[in-house]
C-alpha cells in the first residue's frame, strides 16, 4: 500500500463514521418522537421492572 492512498482511506473511514452516526441519531430522534406521540395518545405505560402479573 503506497502512502498516496492514506488520504482516501482516512476519508472513507470518516464518511462511514458520519453515516453510521447520522443513522443512529435519526433512530434516537425518531424513537423519542414516537414515544412522545404514544404517551400523548395514552398508549404507553412506564415499566417498573417488577412483574405485574403477581
N, C-alpha and C. Protein backbone atom coordinates (compact mmCIF):
# COMPACT_ATOMS: atom_id res chain seq x y z
N UNK A 1 0.86 -1.17 0.00
CA UNK A 1 0.00 0.00 0.00
C UNK A 1 0.91 1.23 0.00
N UNK A 2 0.67 2.11 -0.92
CA UNK A 2 1.51 3.30 -1.01
C UNK A 2 0.98 4.40 -0.11
N UNK A 3 1.82 5.36 0.15
CA UNK A 3 1.47 6.46 1.04
C UNK A 3 0.41 7.36 0.42
N UNK A 4 0.25 7.32 -0.90
CA UNK A 4 -0.73 8.19 -1.55
C UNK A 4 -2.17 7.76 -1.28
N UNK A 5 -2.38 6.56 -0.79
CA UNK A 5 -3.73 6.08 -0.53
C UNK A 5 -4.24 6.40 0.87
N UNK A 6 -3.38 6.86 1.76
CA UNK A 6 -3.80 7.10 3.14
C UNK A 6 -4.90 8.16 3.23
N UNK A 7 -4.86 9.16 2.39
CA UNK A 7 -5.91 10.19 2.41
C UNK A 7 -7.27 9.61 2.06
N UNK A 8 -7.29 8.75 1.04
CA UNK A 8 -8.54 8.10 0.64
C UNK A 8 -9.04 7.18 1.74
N UNK A 9 -8.17 6.44 2.35
CA UNK A 9 -8.56 5.51 3.42
C UNK A 9 -9.13 6.28 4.60
N UNK A 10 -8.46 7.35 5.01
CA UNK A 10 -8.95 8.16 6.12
C UNK A 10 -10.29 8.79 5.78
N UNK A 11 -10.42 9.32 4.57
CA UNK A 11 -11.69 9.94 4.17
C UNK A 11 -12.82 8.93 4.16
N UNK A 12 -12.56 7.71 3.70
CA UNK A 12 -13.62 6.70 3.65
C UNK A 12 -14.04 6.29 5.06
N UNK A 13 -13.10 6.19 5.97
CA UNK A 13 -13.46 5.87 7.36
C UNK A 13 -14.28 7.00 7.97
N UNK A 14 -13.91 8.23 7.72
CA UNK A 14 -14.65 9.37 8.26
C UNK A 14 -16.06 9.43 7.69
N UNK A 15 -16.21 9.14 6.41
CA UNK A 15 -17.54 9.12 5.80
C UNK A 15 -18.39 8.02 6.43
N UNK A 16 -17.82 6.84 6.61
CA UNK A 16 -18.56 5.74 7.23
C UNK A 16 -18.98 6.07 8.65
N UNK A 17 -18.08 6.65 9.42
CA UNK A 17 -18.41 7.05 10.79
C UNK A 17 -19.52 8.09 10.78
N UNK A 18 -19.46 9.04 9.86
CA UNK A 18 -20.50 10.06 9.76
C UNK A 18 -21.85 9.47 9.38
N UNK A 19 -21.87 8.55 8.44
CA UNK A 19 -23.13 7.94 8.00
C UNK A 19 -23.73 7.10 9.12
N UNK A 20 -22.93 6.28 9.76
CA UNK A 20 -23.44 5.44 10.85
C UNK A 20 -23.90 6.31 12.02
N UNK A 21 -23.15 7.35 12.34
CA UNK A 21 -23.55 8.27 13.40
C UNK A 21 -24.86 8.97 13.06
N UNK A 22 -25.01 9.37 11.81
CA UNK A 22 -26.26 10.00 11.38
C UNK A 22 -27.44 9.06 11.47
N UNK A 23 -27.23 7.80 11.12
CA UNK A 23 -28.30 6.81 11.22
C UNK A 23 -28.71 6.59 12.67
N UNK A 24 -27.73 6.51 13.56
CA UNK A 24 -28.03 6.33 14.98
C UNK A 24 -28.79 7.54 15.51
N UNK A 25 -28.35 8.73 15.13
CA UNK A 25 -29.03 9.95 15.57
C UNK A 25 -30.47 10.00 15.06
N UNK A 26 -30.69 9.62 13.81
CA UNK A 26 -32.04 9.61 13.25
C UNK A 26 -32.92 8.62 14.00
N UNK A 27 -32.38 7.47 14.36
CA UNK A 27 -33.15 6.46 15.09
C UNK A 27 -33.52 6.98 16.48
N UNK A 28 -32.58 7.61 17.16
CA UNK A 28 -32.84 8.14 18.51
C UNK A 28 -33.90 9.24 18.45
N UNK A 29 -33.79 10.14 17.48
CA UNK A 29 -34.77 11.22 17.35
C UNK A 29 -36.15 10.64 17.04
N UNK A 30 -36.22 9.67 16.15
CA UNK A 30 -37.50 9.05 15.79
C UNK A 30 -38.09 8.31 16.98
N UNK A 31 -37.26 7.62 17.74
CA UNK A 31 -37.74 6.91 18.93
C UNK A 31 -38.35 7.88 19.93
N UNK A 32 -37.68 8.99 20.17
CA UNK A 32 -38.21 9.99 21.12
C UNK A 32 -39.52 10.58 20.62
N UNK A 33 -39.59 10.84 19.31
CA UNK A 33 -40.81 11.40 18.74
C UNK A 33 -41.96 10.41 18.85
N UNK A 34 -41.71 9.16 18.52
CA UNK A 34 -42.77 8.15 18.60
C UNK A 34 -43.21 7.90 20.03
N UNK A 35 -42.26 7.89 20.95
CA UNK A 35 -42.61 7.67 22.36
C UNK A 35 -43.46 8.82 22.89
N UNK A 36 -43.11 10.05 22.50
CA UNK A 36 -43.91 11.21 22.93
C UNK A 36 -45.31 11.14 22.34
N UNK A 37 -45.42 10.74 21.08
CA UNK A 37 -46.73 10.62 20.45
C UNK A 37 -47.57 9.53 21.11
N UNK A 38 -46.97 8.39 21.41
CA UNK A 38 -47.70 7.32 22.09
C UNK A 38 -48.13 7.75 23.49
N UNK A 39 -47.27 8.46 24.19
CA UNK A 39 -47.62 8.96 25.52
C UNK A 39 -48.79 9.92 25.42
N UNK A 40 -48.76 10.78 24.41
CA UNK A 40 -49.85 11.73 24.22
C UNK A 40 -51.16 11.00 23.93
N UNK A 41 -51.09 9.91 23.21
CA UNK A 41 -52.29 9.13 22.90
C UNK A 41 -52.69 8.18 24.03
N UNK A 42 -51.86 8.07 25.05
CA UNK A 42 -52.19 7.23 26.19
C UNK A 42 -51.88 5.77 25.99
N UNK A 43 -50.97 5.45 25.12
CA UNK A 43 -50.69 4.05 24.84
C UNK A 43 -49.42 3.52 25.45
N UNK A 44 -48.78 4.27 26.32
CA UNK A 44 -47.52 3.81 26.89
C UNK A 44 -47.58 3.90 28.41
N UNK A 45 -47.25 2.78 29.04
CA UNK A 45 -47.10 2.78 30.50
C UNK A 45 -45.63 2.58 30.80
N UNK A 46 -45.13 3.26 31.80
CA UNK A 46 -43.73 3.13 32.19
C UNK A 46 -43.51 1.77 32.84
N UNK A 47 -42.40 1.14 32.52
CA UNK A 47 -42.05 -0.14 33.14
C UNK A 47 -41.44 0.12 34.51
N UNK A 48 -41.85 -0.69 35.48
CA UNK A 48 -41.32 -0.52 36.82
C UNK A 48 -40.21 -1.52 37.10
N UNK A 49 -40.05 -2.51 36.25
CA UNK A 49 -39.04 -3.53 36.48
C UNK A 49 -39.57 -4.73 37.25
N UNK A 50 -40.78 -4.61 37.79
CA UNK A 50 -41.39 -5.69 38.53
C UNK A 50 -42.42 -6.39 37.66
N UNK A 51 -42.65 -7.63 37.93
CA UNK A 51 -43.64 -8.38 37.17
C UNK A 51 -45.04 -7.98 37.66
N UNK A 52 -45.88 -7.49 36.75
CA UNK A 52 -47.20 -7.01 37.14
C UNK A 52 -48.24 -8.12 37.15
N UNK A 53 -47.85 -9.37 36.84
CA UNK A 53 -48.80 -10.48 36.83
C UNK A 53 -49.07 -11.01 38.23
N UNK A 54 -48.32 -10.63 39.21
CA UNK A 54 -48.43 -11.20 40.56
C UNK A 54 -49.70 -10.77 41.27
